[in-house]
């Protein structure tokens, strides 16, 4: 791996998100049963998928690091667009096709995604 790239922070984020999701799934399973546990898994997985996309773009950007700010900015925009599309498509799939419990799916997504804001300080 390139010396300019330190993936420790994003790896820590991913581990934290998985741990938070495991707790959420256990809580929803214990209180509301299997259907809500599946919705929690799906919602949290959307947030974890976002983090994985972000890591993938980070690694790609570090490997192709150039001094062209326009290309670097284009990569940032592409990452944002892909993460938004991933989120919207997965919500549409969860709500529309799979008919998962809305509150549980949203709550697990928001809480798992919030790990990013509480863990990432810079």
C-alpha atoms as a PDB file:
ATOM      1  CA  UNK A   1       0.000   0.000   0.000  1.00  0.00           C
ATOM      2  CA  UNK A   2       1.133   3.512  -0.721  1.00  0.00           C
ATOM      3  CA  UNK A   3       2.796   5.363   2.157  1.00  0.00           C
ATOM      4  CA  UNK A   4       0.602   8.394   1.514  1.00  0.00           C
ATOM      5  CA  UNK A   5      -2.482   6.372   2.330  1.00  0.00           C
ATOM      6  CA  UNK A   6      -3.380   5.482   5.879  1.00  0.00           C
ATOM      7  CA  UNK A   7      -6.522   3.369   5.954  1.00  0.00           C
ATOM      8  CA  UNK A   8      -6.467   2.812   9.716  1.00  0.00           C
ATOM      9  CA  UNK A   9      -9.140   5.448  10.354  1.00  0.00           C
ATOM     10  CA  UNK A  10     -11.599   4.121   7.819  1.00  0.00           C
ATOM     11  CA  UNK A  11     -10.932   0.540   8.918  1.00  0.00           C
ATOM     12  CA  UNK A  12     -11.674   1.617  12.498  1.00  0.00           C
ATOM     13  CA  UNK A  13     -14.870   3.233  11.232  1.00  0.00           C
ATOM     14  CA  UNK A  14     -15.940   0.043   9.455  1.00  0.00           C
ATOM     15  CA  UNK A  15     -15.298  -2.116  12.524  1.00  0.00           C
ATOM     16  CA  UNK A  16     -17.210   0.354  14.710  1.00  0.00           C
ATOM     17  CA  UNK A  17     -20.128   0.406  12.288  1.00  0.00           C
ATOM     18  CA  UNK A  18     -20.298  -3.391  12.221  1.00  0.00           C
ATOM     19  CA  UNK A  19     -20.235  -3.533  16.033  1.00  0.00           C
ATOM     20  CA  UNK A  20     -22.975  -0.899  16.341  1.00  0.00           C
ATOM     21  CA  UNK A  21     -25.039  -2.749  13.745  1.00  0.00           C
ATOM     22  CA  UNK A  22     -24.631  -6.028  15.640  1.00  0.00           C
ATOM     23  CA  UNK A  23     -25.945  -4.365  18.812  1.00  0.00           C
ATOM     24  CA  UNK A  24     -28.869  -2.825  16.911  1.00  0.00           C
ATOM     25  CA  UNK A  25     -29.789  -6.135  15.300  1.00  0.00           C
ATOM     26  CA  UNK A  26     -29.694  -7.882  18.676  1.00  0.00           C
ATOM     27  CA  UNK A  27     -31.898  -5.174  20.224  1.00  0.00           C
ATOM     28  CA  UNK A  28     -34.446  -5.194  17.417  1.00  0.00           C
ATOM     29  CA  UNK A  29     -34.486  -8.984  17.365  1.00  0.00           C
ATOM     30  CA  UNK A  30     -35.000  -9.167  21.121  1.00  0.00           C
ATOM     31  CA  UNK A  31     -37.750  -6.557  21.209  1.00  0.00           C
ATOM     32  CA  UNK A  32     -39.540  -6.930  17.862  1.00  0.00           C
ATOM     33  CA  UNK A  33     -38.486 -10.243  16.308  1.00  0.00           C
ATOM     34  CA  UNK A  34     -36.934 -11.506  13.108  1.00  0.00           C
ATOM     35  CA  UNK A  35     -38.635  -9.170  10.626  1.00  0.00           C
ATOM     36  CA  UNK A  36     -37.298  -6.073  12.365  1.00  0.00           C
ATOM     37  CA  UNK A  37     -33.868  -7.641  12.801  1.00  0.00           C
ATOM     38  CA  UNK A  38     -33.683  -8.174   9.025  1.00  0.00           C
ATOM     39  CA  UNK A  39     -34.718  -4.568   8.417  1.00  0.00           C
ATOM     40  CA  UNK A  40     -32.013  -3.438  10.854  1.00  0.00           C
ATOM     41  CA  UNK A  41     -29.397  -5.514   9.038  1.00  0.00           C
ATOM     42  CA  UNK A  42     -30.470  -4.009   5.722  1.00  0.00           C
ATOM     43  CA  UNK A  43     -30.475  -0.416   7.006  1.00  0.00           C
ATOM     44  CA  UNK A  44     -27.106  -0.708   8.689  1.00  0.00           C
ATOM     45  CA  UNK A  45     -25.662  -2.406   5.625  1.00  0.00           C
ATOM     46  CA  UNK A  46     -26.541   0.648   3.554  1.00  0.00           C
ATOM     47  CA  UNK A  47     -24.367   2.802   5.825  1.00  0.00           C
ATOM     48  CA  UNK A  48     -21.561   0.236   5.815  1.00  0.00           C
ATOM     49  CA  UNK A  49     -21.779   0.072   2.012  1.00  0.00           C
ATOM     50  CA  UNK A  50     -21.324   3.849   1.965  1.00  0.00           C
ATOM     51  CA  UNK A  51     -18.169   3.532   4.045  1.00  0.00           C
ATOM     52  CA  UNK A  52     -16.832   0.759   1.819  1.00  0.00           C
ATOM     53  CA  UNK A  53     -17.420   2.920  -1.265  1.00  0.00           C
ATOM     54  CA  UNK A  54     -15.618   5.775   0.455  1.00  0.00           C
ATOM     55  CA  UNK A  55     -12.656   3.523   1.297  1.00  0.00           C
ATOM     56  CA  UNK A  56     -12.514   2.208  -2.258  1.00  0.00           C
ATOM     57  CA  UNK A  57     -12.402   5.757  -3.648  1.00  0.00           C
ATOM     58  CA  UNK A  58      -9.798   6.770  -1.078  1.00  0.00           C
ATOM     59  CA  UNK A  59      -7.503   3.911  -2.097  1.00  0.00           C
ATOM     60  CA  UNK A  60      -7.994   4.666  -5.798  1.00  0.00           C
ATOM     61  CA  UNK A  61      -7.306   8.364  -5.279  1.00  0.00           C
ATOM     62  CA  UNK A  62      -4.115   7.659  -3.327  1.00  0.00           C
ATOM     63  CA  UNK A  63      -2.836   5.301  -6.022  1.00  0.00           C
ATOM     64  CA  UNK A  64      -3.525   7.818  -8.766  1.00  0.00           C
ATOM     65  CA  UNK A  65      -2.489  10.892  -6.780  1.00  0.00           C
ATOM     66  CA  UNK A  66      -1.589  13.633  -9.191  1.00  0.00           C
ATOM     67  CA  UNK A  67      -1.105  17.328  -8.910  1.00  0.00           C
ATOM     68  CA  UNK A  68      -4.147  18.098 -11.056  1.00  0.00           C
ATOM     69  CA  UNK A  69      -6.734  19.588  -8.686  1.00  0.00           C
ATOM     70  CA  UNK A  70      -9.510  19.346 -11.281  1.00  0.00           C
ATOM     71  CA  UNK A  71      -9.122  15.565 -11.590  1.00  0.00           C
ATOM     72  CA  UNK A  72      -8.929  15.224  -7.816  1.00  0.00           C
ATOM     73  CA  UNK A  73     -12.110  17.255  -7.396  1.00  0.00           C
ATOM     74  CA  UNK A  74     -13.843  15.150 -10.051  1.00  0.00           C
ATOM     75  CA  UNK A  75     -12.973  12.055  -8.019  1.00  0.00           C
ATOM     76  CA  UNK A  76     -14.519  13.604  -4.918  1.00  0.00           C
ATOM     77  CA  UNK A  77     -17.715  14.414  -6.818  1.00  0.00           C
ATOM     78  CA  UNK A  78     -17.842  10.932  -8.311  1.00  0.00           C
ATOM     79  CA  UNK A  79     -17.517   9.394  -4.844  1.00  0.00           C
ATOM     80  CA  UNK A  80     -20.354  11.589  -3.528  1.00  0.00           C
ATOM     81  CA  UNK A  81     -22.626  10.755  -6.452  1.00  0.00           C
ATOM     82  CA  UNK A  82     -21.975   7.022  -6.174  1.00  0.00           C
ATOM     83  CA  UNK A  83     -22.664   7.060  -2.437  1.00  0.00           C
ATOM     84  CA  UNK A  84     -25.938   8.977  -2.946  1.00  0.00           C
ATOM     85  CA  UNK A  85     -27.017   6.602  -5.716  1.00  0.00           C
ATOM     86  CA  UNK A  86     -26.127   3.557  -3.596  1.00  0.00           C
ATOM     87  CA  UNK A  87     -28.187   4.928  -0.713  1.00  0.00           C
ATOM     88  CA  UNK A  88     -31.218   5.819  -2.821  1.00  0.00           C
ATOM     89  CA  UNK A  89     -31.235   2.520  -4.704  1.00  0.00           C
ATOM     90  CA  UNK A  90     -30.891   0.496  -1.515  1.00  0.00           C
ATOM     91  CA  UNK A  91     -33.686   2.452   0.211  1.00  0.00           C
ATOM     92  CA  UNK A  92     -35.913   1.910  -2.820  1.00  0.00           C
ATOM     93  CA  UNK A  93     -35.098  -1.793  -2.713  1.00  0.00           C
ATOM     94  CA  UNK A  94     -35.704  -2.054   1.041  1.00  0.00           C
ATOM     95  CA  UNK A  95     -38.939  -0.085   1.119  1.00  0.00           C
ATOM     96  CA  UNK A  96     -40.382  -0.937  -2.278  1.00  0.00           C
ATOM     97  CA  UNK A  97     -39.378  -4.435  -3.245  1.00  0.00           C
ATOM     98  CA  UNK A  98     -38.580  -6.064   0.092  1.00  0.00           C
ATOM     99  CA  UNK A  99     -41.272  -4.167   2.085  1.00  0.00           C
ATOM    100  CA  UNK A 100     -39.056  -3.951   5.173  1.00  0.00           C
ATOM    101  CA  UNK A 101     -40.175  -2.150   8.324  1.00  0.00           C
ATOM    102  CA  UNK A 102     -39.561   1.538   7.610  1.00  0.00           C
ATOM    103  CA  UNK A 103     -38.787   2.726  11.136  1.00  0.00           C
ATOM    104  CA  UNK A 104     -36.302  -0.060  11.817  1.00  0.00           C
ATOM    105  CA  UNK A 105     -34.556   0.307   8.471  1.00  0.00           C
ATOM    106  CA  UNK A 106     -34.222   4.079   8.835  1.00  0.00           C
ATOM    107  CA  UNK A 107     -33.212   3.949  12.497  1.00  0.00           C
ATOM    108  CA  UNK A 108     -30.472   1.406  11.895  1.00  0.00           C
ATOM    109  CA  UNK A 109     -29.217   3.365   8.874  1.00  0.00           C
ATOM    110  CA  UNK A 110     -29.124   6.656  10.780  1.00  0.00           C
ATOM    111  CA  UNK A 111     -27.467   5.192  13.869  1.00  0.00           C
ATOM    112  CA  UNK A 112     -24.899   3.210  11.879  1.00  0.00           C
ATOM    113  CA  UNK A 113     -24.167   6.245   9.693  1.00  0.00           C
ATOM    114  CA  UNK A 114     -23.869   8.463  12.789  1.00  0.00           C
ATOM    115  CA  UNK A 115     -20.827   6.425  13.820  1.00  0.00           C
ATOM    116  CA  UNK A 116     -19.034   8.231  10.974  1.00  0.00           C
ATOM    117  CA  UNK A 117     -19.730  11.624  12.514  1.00  0.00           C
ATOM    118  CA  UNK A 118     -18.832  10.650  16.060  1.00  0.00           C
ATOM    119  CA  UNK A 119     -15.675   8.771  15.093  1.00  0.00           C
ATOM    120  CA  UNK A 120     -14.333  11.073  12.381  1.00  0.00           C
ATOM    121  CA  UNK A 121     -13.022  14.177  14.108  1.00  0.00           C
ATOM    122  CA  UNK A 122     -11.041  15.892  11.311  1.00  0.00           C
END
